[in-house]
Amino acid sequence: MNRGTDLQADPTLALARCVSACFTAAERCLDVANACLAAAERARLGAVIRITFDCSDLCLATGRVLFRCNAEERLESILLLCAAACAEVSEACSSPHSPLDPEGSCAEACRTCAAACEVLLARLTLRGAAT
């Protein structure tokens, strides 16, 4: 069965996958930020350090809010922010000249998180349109 179809069909699975993806992306972003802080060219990496710390914070907050699942009226905003931050970090980390994420784990985690946020956003939009 197609994983995308699973996520669209089962809201509980979509929520669980999004929470997990948020926490994984938060961890991977911290790994990259800390590696940048330890790098000799740290001054040149200032922007990357900021976006990866910001993304980590947004992913962590999103995962926590989703885990509590008690603020549906705020979910759209936080999911949009998280997806946008993840897209920015994924692009920065997957640049061909970027030594920041040599294994690609941060870029992949951020792509996965952004996609999971978008799936959940789509479910919220569909549910809102149905009511």
C-alpha atoms as a PDB file:
ATOM      1  CA  MET A   1       0.000   0.000   0.000  1.00  0.00           C
ATOM      2  CA  ASN A   2       1.225   3.513  -0.806  1.00  0.00           C
ATOM      3  CA  ARG A   3       2.405   5.400   2.289  1.00  0.00           C
ATOM      4  CA  GLY A   4       0.875   8.670   1.021  1.00  0.00           C
ATOM      5  CA  THR A   5      -2.478   6.938   0.631  1.00  0.00           C
ATOM      6  CA  ASP A   6      -2.184   5.558   4.180  1.00  0.00           C
ATOM      7  CA  LEU A   7      -1.609   9.049   5.537  1.00  0.00           C
ATOM      8  CA  GLN A   8      -4.534  10.507   3.633  1.00  0.00           C
ATOM      9  CA  ALA A   9      -6.883   7.699   4.704  1.00  0.00           C
ATOM     10  CA  ASP A  10      -6.088   7.530   8.428  1.00  0.00           C
ATOM     11  CA  PRO A  11      -6.057  10.828  10.360  1.00  0.00           C
ATOM     12  CA  THR A  12      -4.543   9.205  13.457  1.00  0.00           C
ATOM     13  CA  LEU A  13      -1.685   7.807  11.393  1.00  0.00           C
ATOM     14  CA  ALA A  14      -1.165  11.177   9.697  1.00  0.00           C
ATOM     15  CA  LEU A  15      -1.011  12.887  13.078  1.00  0.00           C
ATOM     16  CA  ALA A  16       1.381  10.300  14.550  1.00  0.00           C
ATOM     17  CA  ARG A  17       3.670  10.459  11.511  1.00  0.00           C
ATOM     18  CA  CYS A  18       3.717  14.244  11.637  1.00  0.00           C
ATOM     19  CA  VAL A  19       4.592  14.313  15.358  1.00  0.00           C
ATOM     20  CA  SER A  20       7.378  11.796  14.783  1.00  0.00           C
ATOM     21  CA  ALA A  21       8.672  13.683  11.725  1.00  0.00           C
ATOM     22  CA  CYS A  22       8.687  16.958  13.674  1.00  0.00           C
ATOM     23  CA  PHE A  23      10.740  15.502  16.517  1.00  0.00           C
ATOM     24  CA  THR A  24      13.168  13.813  14.115  1.00  0.00           C
ATOM     25  CA  ALA A  25      13.664  17.011  12.106  1.00  0.00           C
ATOM     26  CA  ALA A  26      14.194  18.999  15.314  1.00  0.00           C
ATOM     27  CA  GLU A  27      16.959  16.603  16.351  1.00  0.00           C
ATOM     28  CA  ARG A  28      18.646  16.603  12.935  1.00  0.00           C
ATOM     29  CA  CYS A  29      18.547  20.416  12.737  1.00  0.00           C
ATOM     30  CA  LEU A  30      20.227  20.628  16.134  1.00  0.00           C
ATOM     31  CA  ASP A  31      22.902  18.225  14.920  1.00  0.00           C
ATOM     32  CA  VAL A  32      23.656  20.478  11.940  1.00  0.00           C
ATOM     33  CA  ALA A  33      23.554  23.671  14.025  1.00  0.00           C
ATOM     34  CA  ASN A  34      25.961  22.202  16.557  1.00  0.00           C
ATOM     35  CA  ALA A  35      28.277  20.963  13.797  1.00  0.00           C
ATOM     36  CA  CYS A  36      28.275  24.463  12.293  1.00  0.00           C
ATOM     37  CA  LEU A  37      29.110  25.979  15.676  1.00  0.00           C
ATOM     38  CA  ALA A  38      32.076  23.621  15.964  1.00  0.00           C
ATOM     39  CA  ALA A  39      33.290  24.300  12.407  1.00  0.00           C
ATOM     40  CA  ALA A  40      36.338  26.442  11.758  1.00  0.00           C
ATOM     41  CA  GLU A  41      34.339  28.613   9.341  1.00  0.00           C
ATOM     42  CA  ARG A  42      31.613  29.268  11.941  1.00  0.00           C
ATOM     43  CA  ALA A  43      31.372  32.988  11.103  1.00  0.00           C
ATOM     44  CA  ARG A  44      30.506  32.176   7.473  1.00  0.00           C
ATOM     45  CA  LEU A  45      27.800  29.758   8.629  1.00  0.00           C
ATOM     46  CA  GLY A  46      25.871  32.253  10.762  1.00  0.00           C
ATOM     47  CA  ALA A  47      22.749  32.209   8.604  1.00  0.00           C
ATOM     48  CA  VAL A  48      22.660  28.408   8.502  1.00  0.00           C
ATOM     49  CA  ILE A  49      23.128  28.233  12.262  1.00  0.00           C
ATOM     50  CA  ARG A  50      20.170  30.574  12.764  1.00  0.00           C
ATOM     51  CA  ILE A  51      17.806  28.793  10.365  1.00  0.00           C
ATOM     52  CA  THR A  52      18.647  25.351  11.734  1.00  0.00           C
ATOM     53  CA  PHE A  53      18.122  26.477  15.340  1.00  0.00           C
ATOM     54  CA  ASP A  54      14.869  28.216  14.317  1.00  0.00           C
ATOM     55  CA  CYS A  55      13.705  25.150  12.422  1.00  0.00           C
ATOM     56  CA  SER A  56      14.549  22.893  15.358  1.00  0.00           C
ATOM     57  CA  ASP A  57      12.549  25.113  17.720  1.00  0.00           C
ATOM     58  CA  LEU A  58       9.579  25.276  15.321  1.00  0.00           C
ATOM     59  CA  CYS A  59       9.601  21.512  14.744  1.00  0.00           C
ATOM     60  CA  LEU A  60       9.780  20.826  18.474  1.00  0.00           C
ATOM     61  CA  ALA A  61       6.939  23.258  19.215  1.00  0.00           C
ATOM     62  CA  THR A  62       4.836  21.831  16.383  1.00  0.00           C
ATOM     63  CA  GLY A  63       5.379  18.276  17.579  1.00  0.00           C
ATOM     64  CA  ARG A  64       4.410  19.229  21.134  1.00  0.00           C
ATOM     65  CA  VAL A  65       1.260  21.090  20.056  1.00  0.00           C
ATOM     66  CA  LEU A  66       0.245  18.205  17.778  1.00  0.00           C
ATOM     67  CA  PHE A  67       0.953  15.687  20.540  1.00  0.00           C
ATOM     68  CA  ARG A  68      -1.439  17.534  22.859  1.00  0.00           C
ATOM     69  CA  CYS A  69      -3.860  17.926  19.961  1.00  0.00           C
ATOM     70  CA  ASN A  70      -5.918  20.462  21.891  1.00  0.00           C
ATOM     71  CA  ALA A  71      -5.466  23.598  19.805  1.00  0.00           C
ATOM     72  CA  GLU A  72      -6.959  22.766  16.438  1.00  0.00           C
ATOM     73  CA  GLU A  73      -7.662  26.414  15.667  1.00  0.00           C
ATOM     74  CA  ARG A  74      -3.900  27.099  15.835  1.00  0.00           C
ATOM     75  CA  LEU A  75      -2.758  24.026  13.953  1.00  0.00           C
ATOM     76  CA  GLU A  76      -2.889  25.576  10.497  1.00  0.00           C
ATOM     77  CA  SER A  77      -0.526  28.412  11.425  1.00  0.00           C
ATOM     78  CA  ILE A  78       2.029  26.258  13.203  1.00  0.00           C
ATOM     79  CA  LEU A  79       1.977  23.587  10.484  1.00  0.00           C
ATOM     80  CA  LEU A  80       2.567  26.242   7.817  1.00  0.00           C
ATOM     81  CA  LEU A  81       5.496  27.713   9.775  1.00  0.00           C
ATOM     82  CA  CYS A  82       7.037  24.325  10.400  1.00  0.00           C
ATOM     83  CA  ALA A  83       6.720  23.252   6.761  1.00  0.00           C
ATOM     84  CA  ALA A  84       8.240  26.536   5.551  1.00  0.00           C
ATOM     85  CA  ALA A  85      11.171  26.318   7.989  1.00  0.00           C
ATOM     86  CA  CYS A  86      11.809  22.702   7.013  1.00  0.00           C
ATOM     87  CA  ALA A  87      11.743  23.567   3.318  1.00  0.00           C
ATOM     88  CA  GLU A  88      14.314  26.324   3.885  1.00  0.00           C
ATOM     89  CA  VAL A  89      16.652  24.085   5.891  1.00  0.00           C
ATOM     90  CA  SER A  90      16.259  21.197   3.458  1.00  0.00           C
ATOM     91  CA  GLU A  91      17.286  23.468   0.597  1.00  0.00           C
ATOM     92  CA  ALA A  92      20.249  24.887   2.535  1.00  0.00           C
ATOM     93  CA  CYS A  93      21.465  21.446   3.574  1.00  0.00           C
ATOM     94  CA  SER A  94      21.070  19.813   0.176  1.00  0.00           C
ATOM     95  CA  SER A  95      22.960  22.429  -1.775  1.00  0.00           C
ATOM     96  CA  PRO A  96      25.664  20.672  -3.822  1.00  0.00           C
ATOM     97  CA  HIS A  97      28.349  22.837  -2.206  1.00  0.00           C
ATOM     98  CA  SER A  98      27.103  22.325   1.351  1.00  0.00           C
ATOM     99  CA  PRO A  99      29.269  20.282   3.696  1.00  0.00           C
ATOM    100  CA  LEU A 100      26.726  20.862   6.460  1.00  0.00           C
ATOM    101  CA  ASP A 101      24.774  17.648   6.108  1.00  0.00           C
ATOM    102  CA  PRO A 102      27.130  15.134   4.461  1.00  0.00           C
ATOM    103  CA  GLU A 103      24.834  12.144   4.973  1.00  0.00           C
ATOM    104  CA  GLY A 104      21.744  14.117   3.970  1.00  0.00           C
ATOM    105  CA  SER A 105      19.920  13.136   7.156  1.00  0.00           C
ATOM    106  CA  CYS A 106      18.889  16.684   8.065  1.00  0.00           C
ATOM    107  CA  ALA A 107      17.719  17.505   4.549  1.00  0.00           C
ATOM    108  CA  GLU A 108      15.750  14.250   4.362  1.00  0.00           C
ATOM    109  CA  ALA A 109      14.241  14.676   7.850  1.00  0.00           C
ATOM    110  CA  CYS A 110      13.167  18.208   6.958  1.00  0.00           C
ATOM    111  CA  ARG A 111      11.650  17.100   3.625  1.00  0.00           C
ATOM    112  CA  THR A 112       9.753  14.347   5.459  1.00  0.00           C
ATOM    113  CA  CYS A 113       8.551  16.769   8.122  1.00  0.00           C
ATOM    114  CA  ALA A 114       7.423  19.374   5.581  1.00  0.00           C
ATOM    115  CA  ALA A 115       5.503  16.700   3.663  1.00  0.00           C
ATOM    116  CA  ALA A 116       3.881  15.375   6.856  1.00  0.00           C
ATOM    117  CA  CYS A 117       2.826  18.921   7.817  1.00  0.00           C
ATOM    118  CA  GLU A 118       1.339  19.424   4.351  1.00  0.00           C
ATOM    119  CA  VAL A 119      -0.621  16.164   4.584  1.00  0.00           C
ATOM    120  CA  LEU A 120      -2.049  17.213   7.942  1.00  0.00           C
ATOM    121  CA  LEU A 121      -2.840  20.684   6.594  1.00  0.00           C
ATOM    122  CA  ALA A 122      -4.704  19.117   3.680  1.00  0.00           C
ATOM    123  CA  ARG A 123      -6.716  16.943   6.080  1.00  0.00           C
ATOM    124  CA  LEU A 124      -7.631  20.002   8.177  1.00  0.00           C
ATOM    125  CA  THR A 125      -8.620  21.937   5.055  1.00  0.00           C
ATOM    126  CA  LEU A 126     -10.762  19.049   3.774  1.00  0.00           C
ATOM    127  CA  ARG A 127     -12.409  18.602   7.168  1.00  0.00           C
ATOM    128  CA  GLY A 128     -13.049  22.359   7.456  1.00  0.00           C
ATOM    129  CA  ALA A 129     -14.637  22.405   3.993  1.00  0.00           C
ATOM    130  CA  ALA A 130     -16.881  19.474   4.924  1.00  0.00           C
ATOM    131  CA  THR A 131     -18.337  21.247   7.957  1.00  0.00           C
END
